[in-house]
Amino acid sequence: MRDITTTQDIDLLVENFYTKVKKDTTLNAFFSNTNWEHHLPRMKEFWYFILLDKPGFKGNIYDSHSNRNIKSPHFDIWLNLFCETVNQSFQGTIATKAIDKAKELSILFSWKLEQTEGK
């Protein structure tokens, strides 16, 4: 298997991942009103920035997800699907970075949501 090295690799990763999200009976409800023509390019830009240091992503991914009533267990499912998607197609330093960053995001989002719920 090869590592993630190009924007085309990230395109494949993001498209395969969100195909799984759409099919997941728990997560798909959170994305039922998603404009995929807008969302997928933004997520690709986000991962281009994170994994390939490619400028262009602007925005706050937490804010765009915080109003969807997503809880910590949902991020566990999200993380498992993401890691599975990476591991099915890629192996190497950047693939590991993708998984590590997804773990960080899952922990951060879960923590922030718990803080918000406590208010």
PDB file of N, CA and C in Angstrom:
ATOM      1  N   MET A   1       0.838  -1.189   0.000  1.00  0.00           N
ATOM      2  CA  MET A   1       0.000   0.000   0.000  1.00  0.00           C
ATOM      3  C   MET A   1       0.876   1.243   0.000  1.00  0.00           C
ATOM      4  N   ARG A   2       0.322   2.299  -0.519  1.00  0.00           N
ATOM      5  CA  ARG A   2       1.069   3.549  -0.622  1.00  0.00           C
ATOM      6  C   ARG A   2       0.570   4.547   0.418  1.00  0.00           C
ATOM      7  N   ASP A   3       1.354   5.583   0.613  1.00  0.00           N
ATOM      8  CA  ASP A   3       1.008   6.636   1.556  1.00  0.00           C
ATOM      9  C   ASP A   3       0.130   7.678   0.857  1.00  0.00           C
ATOM     10  N   ILE A   4      -0.444   8.568   1.630  1.00  0.00           N
ATOM     11  CA  ILE A   4      -1.185   9.714   1.113  1.00  0.00           C
ATOM     12  C   ILE A   4      -0.151  10.757   0.710  1.00  0.00           C
ATOM     13  N   THR A   5      -0.113  11.096  -0.563  1.00  0.00           N
ATOM     14  CA  THR A   5       0.898  12.057  -1.022  1.00  0.00           C
ATOM     15  C   THR A   5       0.347  13.147  -1.926  1.00  0.00           C
ATOM     16  N   THR A   6      -0.864  12.981  -2.426  1.00  0.00           N
ATOM     17  CA  THR A   6      -1.404  13.941  -3.391  1.00  0.00           C
ATOM     18  C   THR A   6      -2.820  14.360  -3.005  1.00  0.00           C
ATOM     19  N   THR A   7      -3.285  15.428  -3.631  1.00  0.00           N
ATOM     20  CA  THR A   7      -4.668  15.837  -3.410  1.00  0.00           C
ATOM     21  C   THR A   7      -5.637  14.769  -3.925  1.00  0.00           C
ATOM     22  N   GLN A   8      -5.241  14.048  -4.947  1.00  0.00           N
ATOM     23  CA  GLN A   8      -6.094  12.968  -5.460  1.00  0.00           C
ATOM     24  C   GLN A   8      -6.257  11.861  -4.412  1.00  0.00           C
ATOM     25  N   ASP A   9      -5.200  11.608  -3.653  1.00  0.00           N
ATOM     26  CA  ASP A   9      -5.298  10.622  -2.569  1.00  0.00           C
ATOM     27  C   ASP A   9      -6.303  11.086  -1.517  1.00  0.00           C
ATOM     28  N   ILE A  10      -6.244  12.357  -1.194  1.00  0.00           N
ATOM     29  CA  ILE A  10      -7.179  12.899  -0.202  1.00  0.00           C
ATOM     30  C   ILE A  10      -8.595  12.913  -0.756  1.00  0.00           C
ATOM     31  N   ASP A  11      -8.751  13.227  -2.030  1.00  0.00           N
ATOM     32  CA  ASP A  11     -10.079  13.161  -2.650  1.00  0.00           C
ATOM     33  C   ASP A  11     -10.667  11.766  -2.473  1.00  0.00           C
ATOM     34  N   LEU A  12      -9.874  10.756  -2.752  1.00  0.00           N
ATOM     35  CA  LEU A  12     -10.323   9.367  -2.609  1.00  0.00           C
ATOM     36  C   LEU A  12     -10.694   9.068  -1.158  1.00  0.00           C
ATOM     37  N   LEU A  13      -9.840   9.477  -0.242  1.00  0.00           N
ATOM     38  CA  LEU A  13     -10.097   9.244   1.174  1.00  0.00           C
ATOM     39  C   LEU A  13     -11.403   9.892   1.614  1.00  0.00           C
ATOM     40  N   VAL A  14     -11.577  11.154   1.299  1.00  0.00           N
ATOM     41  CA  VAL A  14     -12.773  11.887   1.724  1.00  0.00           C
ATOM     42  C   VAL A  14     -14.026  11.299   1.084  1.00  0.00           C
ATOM     43  N   GLU A  15     -13.974  11.011  -0.193  1.00  0.00           N
ATOM     44  CA  GLU A  15     -15.151  10.458  -0.881  1.00  0.00           C
ATOM     45  C   GLU A  15     -15.510   9.079  -0.329  1.00  0.00           C
ATOM     46  N   ASN A  16     -14.526   8.236  -0.115  1.00  0.00           N
ATOM     47  CA  ASN A  16     -14.798   6.904   0.439  1.00  0.00           C
ATOM     48  C   ASN A  16     -15.315   6.995   1.871  1.00  0.00           C
ATOM     49  N   PHE A  17     -14.741   7.900   2.649  1.00  0.00           N
ATOM     50  CA  PHE A  17     -15.180   8.072   4.030  1.00  0.00           C
ATOM     51  C   PHE A  17     -16.634   8.525   4.092  1.00  0.00           C
ATOM     52  N   TYR A  18     -16.983   9.552   3.336  1.00  0.00           N
ATOM     53  CA  TYR A  18     -18.355  10.046   3.404  1.00  0.00           C
ATOM     54  C   TYR A  18     -19.366   9.094   2.769  1.00  0.00           C
ATOM     55  N   THR A  19     -18.922   8.241   1.882  1.00  0.00           N
ATOM     56  CA  THR A  19     -19.804   7.172   1.394  1.00  0.00           C
ATOM     57  C   THR A  19     -20.183   6.264   2.561  1.00  0.00           C
ATOM     58  N   LYS A  20     -19.217   5.963   3.414  1.00  0.00           N
ATOM     59  CA  LYS A  20     -19.491   5.135   4.604  1.00  0.00           C
ATOM     60  C   LYS A  20     -20.372   5.875   5.601  1.00  0.00           C
ATOM     61  N   VAL A  21     -20.119   7.163   5.784  1.00  0.00           N
ATOM     62  CA  VAL A  21     -20.933   7.957   6.704  1.00  0.00           C
ATOM     63  C   VAL A  21     -22.391   7.963   6.246  1.00  0.00           C
ATOM     64  N   LYS A  22     -22.607   8.154   4.959  1.00  0.00           N
ATOM     65  CA  LYS A  22     -23.969   8.176   4.424  1.00  0.00           C
ATOM     66  C   LYS A  22     -24.683   6.844   4.626  1.00  0.00           C
ATOM     67  N   LYS A  23     -23.935   5.753   4.615  1.00  0.00           N
ATOM     68  CA  LYS A  23     -24.525   4.419   4.776  1.00  0.00           C
ATOM     69  C   LYS A  23     -24.686   4.016   6.237  1.00  0.00           C
ATOM     70  N   ASP A  24     -23.994   4.690   7.140  1.00  0.00           N
ATOM     71  CA  ASP A  24     -24.053   4.329   8.551  1.00  0.00           C
ATOM     72  C   ASP A  24     -25.397   4.763   9.146  1.00  0.00           C
ATOM     73  N   THR A  25     -26.092   3.829   9.743  1.00  0.00           N
ATOM     74  CA  THR A  25     -27.444   4.101  10.242  1.00  0.00           C
ATOM     75  C   THR A  25     -27.469   5.094  11.400  1.00  0.00           C
ATOM     76  N   THR A  26     -26.380   5.233  12.113  1.00  0.00           N
ATOM     77  CA  THR A  26     -26.329   6.199  13.210  1.00  0.00           C
ATOM     78  C   THR A  26     -25.918   7.573  12.716  1.00  0.00           C
ATOM     79  N   LEU A  27     -24.881   7.649  11.919  1.00  0.00           N
ATOM     80  CA  LEU A  27     -24.345   8.951  11.500  1.00  0.00           C
ATOM     81  C   LEU A  27     -25.132   9.619  10.385  1.00  0.00           C
ATOM     82  N   ASN A  28     -25.762   8.839   9.526  1.00  0.00           N
ATOM     83  CA  ASN A  28     -26.398   9.457   8.357  1.00  0.00           C
ATOM     84  C   ASN A  28     -27.480  10.470   8.732  1.00  0.00           C
ATOM     85  N   ALA A  29     -28.106  10.298   9.875  1.00  0.00           N
ATOM     86  CA  ALA A  29     -29.144  11.238  10.298  1.00  0.00           C
ATOM     87  C   ALA A  29     -28.584  12.647  10.520  1.00  0.00           C
ATOM     88  N   PHE A  30     -27.346  12.732  10.964  1.00  0.00           N
ATOM     89  CA  PHE A  30     -26.734  14.036  11.220  1.00  0.00           C
ATOM     90  C   PHE A  30     -26.376  14.768   9.918  1.00  0.00           C
ATOM     91  N   PHE A  31     -26.373  14.048   8.836  1.00  0.00           N
ATOM     92  CA  PHE A  31     -25.983  14.625   7.554  1.00  0.00           C
ATOM     93  C   PHE A  31     -27.132  14.643   6.549  1.00  0.00           C
ATOM     94  N   SER A  32     -28.353  14.422   7.034  1.00  0.00           N
ATOM     95  CA  SER A  32     -29.502  14.301   6.124  1.00  0.00           C
ATOM     96  C   SER A  32     -29.762  15.583   5.332  1.00  0.00           C
ATOM     97  N   ASN A  33     -29.440  16.728   5.889  1.00  0.00           N
ATOM     98  CA  ASN A  33     -29.668  18.000   5.190  1.00  0.00           C
ATOM     99  C   ASN A  33     -28.385  18.594   4.627  1.00  0.00           C
ATOM    100  N   THR A  34     -27.368  17.779   4.516  1.00  0.00           N
ATOM    101  CA  THR A  34     -26.074  18.259   4.046  1.00  0.00           C
ATOM    102  C   THR A  34     -26.088  18.491   2.541  1.00  0.00           C
ATOM    103  N   ASN A  35     -25.563  19.622   2.147  1.00  0.00           N
ATOM    104  CA  ASN A  35     -25.354  19.912   0.736  1.00  0.00           C
ATOM    105  C   ASN A  35     -23.992  19.316   0.379  1.00  0.00           C
ATOM    106  N   TRP A  36     -23.990  18.130  -0.167  1.00  0.00           N
ATOM    107  CA  TRP A  36     -22.744  17.400  -0.414  1.00  0.00           C
ATOM    108  C   TRP A  36     -21.860  18.087  -1.448  1.00  0.00           C
ATOM    109  N   GLU A  37     -22.460  18.801  -2.387  1.00  0.00           N
ATOM    110  CA  GLU A  37     -21.668  19.522  -3.387  1.00  0.00           C
ATOM    111  C   GLU A  37     -20.849  20.640  -2.742  1.00  0.00           C
ATOM    112  N   HIS A  38     -21.310  21.126  -1.605  1.00  0.00           N
ATOM    113  CA  HIS A  38     -20.573  22.145  -0.858  1.00  0.00           C
ATOM    114  C   HIS A  38     -19.662  21.507   0.194  1.00  0.00           C
ATOM    115  N   HIS A  39     -20.174  20.501   0.882  1.00  0.00           N
ATOM    116  CA  HIS A  39     -19.457  19.910   2.019  1.00  0.00           C
ATOM    117  C   HIS A  39     -18.198  19.141   1.609  1.00  0.00           C
ATOM    118  N   LEU A  40     -18.297  18.297   0.604  1.00  0.00           N
ATOM    119  CA  LEU A  40     -17.139  17.477   0.217  1.00  0.00           C
ATOM    120  C   LEU A  40     -15.929  18.314  -0.210  1.00  0.00           C
ATOM    121  N   PRO A  41     -16.100  19.325  -1.057  1.00  0.00           N
ATOM    122  CA  PRO A  41     -14.920  20.141  -1.393  1.00  0.00           C
ATOM    123  C   PRO A  41     -14.306  20.834  -0.176  1.00  0.00           C
ATOM    124  N   ARG A  42     -15.140  21.263   0.770  1.00  0.00           N
ATOM    125  CA  ARG A  42     -14.615  21.903   1.990  1.00  0.00           C
ATOM    126  C   ARG A  42     -13.825  20.916   2.823  1.00  0.00           C
ATOM    127  N   MET A  43     -14.324  19.681   2.943  1.00  0.00           N
ATOM    128  CA  MET A  43     -13.603  18.678   3.719  1.00  0.00           C
ATOM    129  C   MET A  43     -12.304  18.276   3.018  1.00  0.00           C
ATOM    130  N   LYS A  44     -12.331  18.243   1.713  1.00  0.00           N
ATOM    131  CA  LYS A  44     -11.094  17.973   0.972  1.00  0.00           C
ATOM    132  C   LYS A  44     -10.080  19.085   1.224  1.00  0.00           C
ATOM    133  N   GLU A  45     -10.530  20.331   1.149  1.00  0.00           N
ATOM    134  CA  GLU A  45      -9.627  21.459   1.419  1.00  0.00           C
ATOM    135  C   GLU A  45      -9.063  21.381   2.831  1.00  0.00           C
ATOM    136  N   PHE A  46      -9.896  20.996   3.787  1.00  0.00           N
ATOM    137  CA  PHE A  46      -9.439  20.865   5.173  1.00  0.00           C
ATOM    138  C   PHE A  46      -8.310  19.835   5.261  1.00  0.00           C
ATOM    139  N   TRP A  47      -8.513  18.659   4.671  1.00  0.00           N
ATOM    140  CA  TRP A  47      -7.497  17.611   4.750  1.00  0.00           C
ATOM    141  C   TRP A  47      -6.279  17.926   3.884  1.00  0.00           C
ATOM    142  N   TYR A  48      -6.448  18.665   2.783  1.00  0.00           N
ATOM    143  CA  TYR A  48      -5.276  19.118   2.020  1.00  0.00           C
ATOM    144  C   TYR A  48      -4.386  19.961   2.936  1.00  0.00           C
ATOM    145  N   PHE A  49      -5.026  20.858   3.683  1.00  0.00           N
ATOM    146  CA  PHE A  49      -4.308  21.748   4.590  1.00  0.00           C
ATOM    147  C   PHE A  49      -3.631  20.958   5.712  1.00  0.00           C
ATOM    148  N   ILE A  50      -4.361  20.052   6.330  1.00  0.00           N
ATOM    149  CA  ILE A  50      -3.841  19.295   7.472  1.00  0.00           C
ATOM    150  C   ILE A  50      -2.728  18.337   7.058  1.00  0.00           C
ATOM    151  N   LEU A  51      -2.916  17.635   5.958  1.00  0.00           N
ATOM    152  CA  LEU A  51      -1.984  16.564   5.594  1.00  0.00           C
ATOM    153  C   LEU A  51      -0.898  16.982   4.615  1.00  0.00           C
ATOM    154  N   LEU A  52      -1.197  17.948   3.750  1.00  0.00           N
ATOM    155  CA  LEU A  52      -0.226  18.336   2.724  1.00  0.00           C
ATOM    156  C   LEU A  52       0.239  19.785   2.866  1.00  0.00           C
ATOM    157  N   ASP A  53      -0.197  20.451   3.928  1.00  0.00           N
ATOM    158  CA  ASP A  53       0.157  21.854   4.165  1.00  0.00           C
ATOM    159  C   ASP A  53      -0.224  22.750   2.996  1.00  0.00           C
ATOM    160  N   LYS A  54      -1.302  22.397   2.315  1.00  0.00           N
ATOM    161  CA  LYS A  54      -1.757  23.196   1.173  1.00  0.00           C
ATOM    162  C   LYS A  54      -2.694  24.292   1.682  1.00  0.00           C
ATOM    163  N   PRO A  55      -2.342  25.554   1.441  1.00  0.00           N
ATOM    164  CA  PRO A  55      -3.206  26.646   1.908  1.00  0.00           C
ATOM    165  C   PRO A  55      -4.535  26.651   1.164  1.00  0.00           C
ATOM    166  N   GLY A  56      -5.497  27.320   1.763  1.00  0.00           N
ATOM    167  CA  GLY A  56      -6.779  27.465   1.091  1.00  0.00           C
ATOM    168  C   GLY A  56      -7.962  27.235   1.999  1.00  0.00           C
ATOM    169  N   PHE A  57      -7.813  26.411   3.041  1.00  0.00           N
ATOM    170  CA  PHE A  57      -8.958  26.153   3.914  1.00  0.00           C
ATOM    171  C   PHE A  57      -9.141  27.321   4.862  1.00  0.00           C
ATOM    172  N   LYS A  58     -10.372  27.798   4.917  1.00  0.00           N
ATOM    173  CA  LYS A  58     -10.744  28.827   5.870  1.00  0.00           C
ATOM    174  C   LYS A  58     -12.042  28.375   6.521  1.00  0.00           C
ATOM    175  N   GLY A  59     -12.127  28.577   7.790  1.00  0.00           N
ATOM    176  CA  GLY A  59     -13.354  28.218   8.475  1.00  0.00           C
ATOM    177  C   GLY A  59     -13.072  27.548   9.800  1.00  0.00           C
ATOM    178  N   ASN A  60     -14.145  27.232  10.474  1.00  0.00           N
ATOM    179  CA  ASN A  60     -14.075  26.601  11.778  1.00  0.00           C
ATOM    180  C   ASN A  60     -14.913  25.332  11.710  1.00  0.00           C
ATOM    181  N   ILE A  61     -14.262  24.196  11.655  1.00  0.00           N
ATOM    182  CA  ILE A  61     -15.026  22.956  11.482  1.00  0.00           C
ATOM    183  C   ILE A  61     -15.839  22.609  12.717  1.00  0.00           C
ATOM    184  N   TYR A  62     -15.414  23.049  13.879  1.00  0.00           N
ATOM    185  CA  TYR A  62     -16.203  22.760  15.075  1.00  0.00           C
ATOM    186  C   TYR A  62     -17.553  23.468  15.014  1.00  0.00           C
ATOM    187  N   ASP A  63     -17.544  24.758  14.716  1.00  0.00           N
ATOM    188  CA  ASP A  63     -18.793  25.516  14.701  1.00  0.00           C
ATOM    189  C   ASP A  63     -19.811  24.937  13.735  1.00  0.00           C
ATOM    190  N   SER A  64     -19.338  24.424  12.619  1.00  0.00           N
ATOM    191  CA  SER A  64     -20.280  23.900  11.632  1.00  0.00           C
ATOM    192  C   SER A  64     -20.876  22.553  12.046  1.00  0.00           C
ATOM    193  N   HIS A  65     -20.317  21.919  13.070  1.00  0.00           N
ATOM    194  CA  HIS A  65     -20.839  20.639  13.538  1.00  0.00           C
ATOM    195  C   HIS A  65     -21.512  20.735  14.912  1.00  0.00           C
ATOM    196  N   SER A  66     -21.306  21.818  15.628  1.00  0.00           N
ATOM    197  CA  SER A  66     -21.752  21.912  17.014  1.00  0.00           C
ATOM    198  C   SER A  66     -23.265  21.993  17.173  1.00  0.00           C
ATOM    199  N   ASN A  67     -23.976  22.372  16.151  1.00  0.00           N
ATOM    200  CA  ASN A  67     -25.430  22.524  16.259  1.00  0.00           C
ATOM    201  C   ASN A  67     -26.189  21.301  15.750  1.00  0.00           C
ATOM    202  N   ARG A  68     -25.527  20.184  15.619  1.00  0.00           N
ATOM    203  CA  ARG A  68     -26.170  18.990  15.051  1.00  0.00           C
ATOM    204  C   ARG A  68     -26.548  17.948  16.091  1.00  0.00           C
ATOM    205  N   ASN A  69     -26.418  18.270  17.375  1.00  0.00           N
ATOM    206  CA  ASN A  69     -26.777  17.348  18.457  1.00  0.00           C
ATOM    207  C   ASN A  69     -25.939  16.060  18.434  1.00  0.00           C
ATOM    208  N   ILE A  70     -24.710  16.190  18.015  1.00  0.00           N
ATOM    209  CA  ILE A  70     -23.787  15.066  17.963  1.00  0.00           C
ATOM    210  C   ILE A  70     -23.186  14.878  19.350  1.00  0.00           C
ATOM    211  N   LYS A  71     -23.106  13.637  19.810  1.00  0.00           N
ATOM    212  CA  LYS A  71     -22.573  13.310  21.138  1.00  0.00           C
ATOM    213  C   LYS A  71     -21.277  12.515  20.997  1.00  0.00           C
ATOM    214  N   SER A  72     -20.585  12.359  22.114  1.00  0.00           N
ATOM    215  CA  SER A  72     -19.301  11.642  22.123  1.00  0.00           C
ATOM    216  C   SER A  72     -19.364  10.264  21.457  1.00  0.00           C
ATOM    217  N   PRO A  73     -20.377   9.451  21.731  1.00  0.00           N
ATOM    218  CA  PRO A  73     -20.411   8.127  21.066  1.00  0.00           C
ATOM    219  C   PRO A  73     -20.473   8.210  19.545  1.00  0.00           C
ATOM    220  N   HIS A  74     -21.050   9.281  19.032  1.00  0.00           N
ATOM    221  CA  HIS A  74     -21.105   9.455  17.584  1.00  0.00           C
ATOM    222  C   HIS A  74     -19.710   9.713  17.009  1.00  0.00           C
ATOM    223  N   PHE A  75     -18.893  10.426  17.775  1.00  0.00           N
ATOM    224  CA  PHE A  75     -17.528  10.659  17.321  1.00  0.00           C
ATOM    225  C   PHE A  75     -16.708   9.380  17.340  1.00  0.00           C
ATOM    226  N   ASP A  76     -17.046   8.469  18.228  1.00  0.00           N
ATOM    227  CA  ASP A  76     -16.374   7.164  18.224  1.00  0.00           C
ATOM    228  C   ASP A  76     -16.665   6.427  16.921  1.00  0.00           C
ATOM    229  N   ILE A  77     -17.915   6.455  16.488  1.00  0.00           N
ATOM    230  CA  ILE A  77     -18.294   5.814  15.227  1.00  0.00           C
ATOM    231  C   ILE A  77     -17.589   6.518  14.068  1.00  0.00           C
ATOM    232  N   TRP A  78     -17.624   7.854  14.086  1.00  0.00           N
ATOM    233  CA  TRP A  78     -16.968   8.649  13.048  1.00  0.00           C
ATOM    234  C   TRP A  78     -15.493   8.286  12.960  1.00  0.00           C
ATOM    235  N   LEU A  79     -14.833   8.227  14.100  1.00  0.00           N
ATOM    236  CA  LEU A  79     -13.402   7.922  14.135  1.00  0.00           C
ATOM    237  C   LEU A  79     -13.129   6.518  13.613  1.00  0.00           C
ATOM    238  N   ASN A  80     -13.923   5.556  14.023  1.00  0.00           N
ATOM    239  CA  ASN A  80     -13.727   4.181  13.535  1.00  0.00           C
ATOM    240  C   ASN A  80     -13.877   4.100  12.023  1.00  0.00           C
ATOM    241  N   LEU A  81     -14.881   4.774  11.476  1.00  0.00           N
ATOM    242  CA  LEU A  81     -15.068   4.771  10.023  1.00  0.00           C
ATOM    243  C   LEU A  81     -13.910   5.457   9.314  1.00  0.00           C
ATOM    244  N   PHE A  82     -13.436   6.561   9.894  1.00  0.00           N
ATOM    245  CA  PHE A  82     -12.337   7.283   9.273  1.00  0.00           C
ATOM    246  C   PHE A  82     -11.070   6.431   9.263  1.00  0.00           C
ATOM    247  N   CYS A  83     -10.741   5.853  10.406  1.00  0.00           N
ATOM    248  CA  CYS A  83      -9.533   5.017  10.497  1.00  0.00           C
ATOM    249  C   CYS A  83      -9.627   3.819   9.560  1.00  0.00           C
ATOM    250  N   GLU A  84     -10.790   3.208   9.507  1.00  0.00           N
ATOM    251  CA  GLU A  84     -11.008   2.073   8.602  1.00  0.00           C
ATOM    252  C   GLU A  84     -10.776   2.498   7.156  1.00  0.00           C
ATOM    253  N   THR A  85     -11.282   3.670   6.787  1.00  0.00           N
ATOM    254  CA  THR A  85     -11.135   4.165   5.421  1.00  0.00           C
ATOM    255  C   THR A  85      -9.675   4.428   5.081  1.00  0.00           C
ATOM    256  N   VAL A  86      -8.960   5.057   6.000  1.00  0.00           N
ATOM    257  CA  VAL A  86      -7.529   5.302   5.767  1.00  0.00           C
ATOM    258  C   VAL A  86      -6.804   3.977   5.599  1.00  0.00           C
ATOM    259  N   ASN A  87      -7.025   3.069   6.534  1.00  0.00           N
ATOM    260  CA  ASN A  87      -6.291   1.801   6.543  1.00  0.00           C
ATOM    261  C   ASN A  87      -6.600   0.903   5.351  1.00  0.00           C
ATOM    262  N   GLN A  88      -7.751   1.080   4.738  1.00  0.00           N
ATOM    263  CA  GLN A  88      -8.104   0.266   3.574  1.00  0.00           C
ATOM    264  C   GLN A  88      -7.304   0.650   2.331  1.00  0.00           C
ATOM    265  N   SER A  89      -6.856   1.894   2.266  1.00  0.00           N
ATOM    266  CA  SER A  89      -6.203   2.364   1.042  1.00  0.00           C
ATOM    267  C   SER A  89      -4.783   2.868   1.219  1.00  0.00           C
ATOM    268  N   PHE A  90      -4.408   3.205   2.444  1.00  0.00           N
ATOM    269  CA  PHE A  90      -3.132   3.882   2.634  1.00  0.00           C
ATOM    270  C   PHE A  90      -2.349   3.331   3.821  1.00  0.00           C
ATOM    271  N   GLN A  91      -1.042   3.535   3.734  1.00  0.00           N
ATOM    272  CA  GLN A  91      -0.157   3.151   4.819  1.00  0.00           C
ATOM    273  C   GLN A  91       1.092   4.026   4.706  1.00  0.00           C
ATOM    274  N   GLY A  92       1.521   4.591   5.813  1.00  0.00           N
ATOM    275  CA  GLY A  92       2.719   5.415   5.794  1.00  0.00           C
ATOM    276  C   GLY A  92       2.608   6.573   6.763  1.00  0.00           C
ATOM    277  N   THR A  93       3.577   7.453   6.685  1.00  0.00           N
ATOM    278  CA  THR A  93       3.682   8.574   7.621  1.00  0.00           C
ATOM    279  C   THR A  93       2.475   9.498   7.561  1.00  0.00           C
ATOM    280  N   ILE A  94       2.050   9.857   6.362  1.00  0.00           N
ATOM    281  CA  ILE A  94       0.931  10.798   6.242  1.00  0.00           C
ATOM    282  C   ILE A  94      -0.388  10.099   6.559  1.00  0.00           C
ATOM    283  N   ALA A  95      -0.511   8.838   6.230  1.00  0.00           N
ATOM    284  CA  ALA A  95      -1.702   8.084   6.616  1.00  0.00           C
ATOM    285  C   ALA A  95      -1.818   8.031   8.138  1.00  0.00           C
ATOM    286  N   THR A  96      -0.704   7.810   8.804  1.00  0.00           N
ATOM    287  CA  THR A  96      -0.695   7.804  10.270  1.00  0.00           C
ATOM    288  C   THR A  96      -1.049   9.184  10.808  1.00  0.00           C
ATOM    289  N   LYS A  97      -0.541  10.228  10.161  1.00  0.00           N
ATOM    290  CA  LYS A  97      -0.871  11.599  10.561  1.00  0.00           C
ATOM    291  C   LYS A  97      -2.375  11.849  10.426  1.00  0.00           C
ATOM    292  N   ALA A  98      -2.979  11.328   9.367  1.00  0.00           N
ATOM    293  CA  ALA A  98      -4.422  11.494   9.168  1.00  0.00           C
ATOM    294  C   ALA A  98      -5.196  10.861  10.315  1.00  0.00           C
ATOM    295  N   ILE A  99      -4.816   9.664  10.688  1.00  0.00           N
ATOM    296  CA  ILE A  99      -5.491   8.970  11.790  1.00  0.00           C
ATOM    297  C   ILE A  99      -5.258   9.702  13.104  1.00  0.00           C
ATOM    298  N   ASP A 100      -4.035  10.132  13.350  1.00  0.00           N
ATOM    299  CA  ASP A 100      -3.735  10.869  14.581  1.00  0.00           C
ATOM    300  C   ASP A 100      -4.531  12.157  14.664  1.00  0.00           C
ATOM    301  N   LYS A 101      -4.623  12.881  13.553  1.00  0.00           N
ATOM    302  CA  LYS A 101      -5.381  14.132  13.544  1.00  0.00           C
ATOM    303  C   LYS A 101      -6.864  13.864  13.756  1.00  0.00           C
ATOM    304  N   ALA A 102      -7.387  12.802  13.151  1.00  0.00           N
ATOM    305  CA  ALA A 102      -8.795  12.448  13.355  1.00  0.00           C
ATOM    306  C   ALA A 102      -9.054  12.117  14.824  1.00  0.00           C
ATOM    307  N   LYS A 103      -8.134  11.421  15.466  1.00  0.00           N
ATOM    308  CA  LYS A 103      -8.274  11.127  16.899  1.00  0.00           C
ATOM    309  C   LYS A 103      -8.300  12.414  17.708  1.00  0.00           C
ATOM    310  N   GLU A 104      -7.401  13.345  17.389  1.00  0.00           N
ATOM    311  CA  GLU A 104      -7.373  14.634  18.084  1.00  0.00           C
ATOM    312  C   GLU A 104      -8.697  15.375  17.909  1.00  0.00           C
ATOM    313  N   LEU A 105      -9.197  15.395  16.687  1.00  0.00           N
ATOM    314  CA  LEU A 105     -10.463  16.084  16.415  1.00  0.00           C
ATOM    315  C   LEU A 105     -11.614  15.447  17.181  1.00  0.00           C
ATOM    316  N   SER A 106     -11.647  14.135  17.215  1.00  0.00           N
ATOM    317  CA  SER A 106     -12.701  13.428  17.922  1.00  0.00           C
ATOM    318  C   SER A 106     -12.681  13.764  19.412  1.00  0.00           C
ATOM    319  N   ILE A 107     -11.492  13.756  19.991  1.00  0.00           N
ATOM    320  CA  ILE A 107     -11.354  14.088  21.417  1.00  0.00           C
ATOM    321  C   ILE A 107     -11.749  15.546  21.662  1.00  0.00           C
ATOM    322  N   LEU A 108     -11.252  16.441  20.829  1.00  0.00           N
ATOM    323  CA  LEU A 108     -11.539  17.864  20.993  1.00  0.00           C
ATOM    324  C   LEU A 108     -13.030  18.155  20.838  1.00  0.00           C
ATOM    325  N   PHE A 109     -13.648  17.627  19.807  1.00  0.00           N
ATOM    326  CA  PHE A 109     -15.071  17.863  19.586  1.00  0.00           C
ATOM    327  C   PHE A 109     -15.886  17.314  20.748  1.00  0.00           C
ATOM    328  N   SER A 110     -15.579  16.097  21.182  1.00  0.00           N
ATOM    329  CA  SER A 110     -16.305  15.488  22.299  1.00  0.00           C
ATOM    330  C   SER A 110     -16.180  16.350  23.548  1.00  0.00           C
ATOM    331  N   TRP A 111     -14.971  16.806  23.840  1.00  0.00           N
ATOM    332  CA  TRP A 111     -14.738  17.628  25.023  1.00  0.00           C
ATOM    333  C   TRP A 111     -15.505  18.939  24.924  1.00  0.00           C
ATOM    334  N   LYS A 112     -15.425  19.605  23.780  1.00  0.00           N
ATOM    335  CA  LYS A 112     -16.121  20.879  23.606  1.00  0.00           C
ATOM    336  C   LYS A 112     -17.637  20.711  23.742  1.00  0.00           C
ATOM    337  N   LEU A 113     -18.157  19.636  23.175  1.00  0.00           N
ATOM    338  CA  LEU A 113     -19.599  19.403  23.280  1.00  0.00           C
ATOM    339  C   LEU A 113     -20.018  19.146  24.719  1.00  0.00           C
ATOM    340  N   GLU A 114     -19.216  18.417  25.455  1.00  0.00           N
ATOM    341  CA  GLU A 114     -19.522  18.175  26.872  1.00  0.00           C
ATOM    342  C   GLU A 114     -19.494  19.473  27.658  1.00  0.00           C
ATOM    343  N   GLN A 115     -18.558  20.369  27.348  1.00  0.00           N
ATOM    344  CA  GLN A 115     -18.478  21.668  28.025  1.00  0.00           C
ATOM    345  C   GLN A 115     -19.705  22.506  27.718  1.00  0.00           C
ATOM    346  N   THR A 116     -20.167  22.465  26.496  1.00  0.00           N
ATOM    347  CA  THR A 116     -21.340  23.224  26.076  1.00  0.00           C
ATOM    348  C   THR A 116     -22.584  22.691  26.758  1.00  0.00           C
ATOM    349  N   GLU A 117     -22.706  21.361  26.864  1.00  0.00           N
ATOM    350  CA  GLU A 117     -23.866  20.754  27.502  1.00  0.00           C
ATOM    351  C   GLU A 117     -23.951  21.106  28.979  1.00  0.00           C
ATOM    352  N   GLY A 118     -22.799  21.308  29.610  1.00  0.00           N
ATOM    353  CA  GLY A 118     -22.762  21.606  31.032  1.00  0.00           C
ATOM    354  C   GLY A 118     -23.187  23.010  31.384  1.00  0.00           C
ATOM    355  N   LYS A 119     -23.346  23.853  30.387  1.00  0.00           N
ATOM    356  CA  LYS A 119     -23.711  25.263  30.653  1.00  0.00           C
ATOM    357  C   LYS A 119     -25.201  25.439  30.766  1.00  0.00           C
TER     358      LYS A 119
END
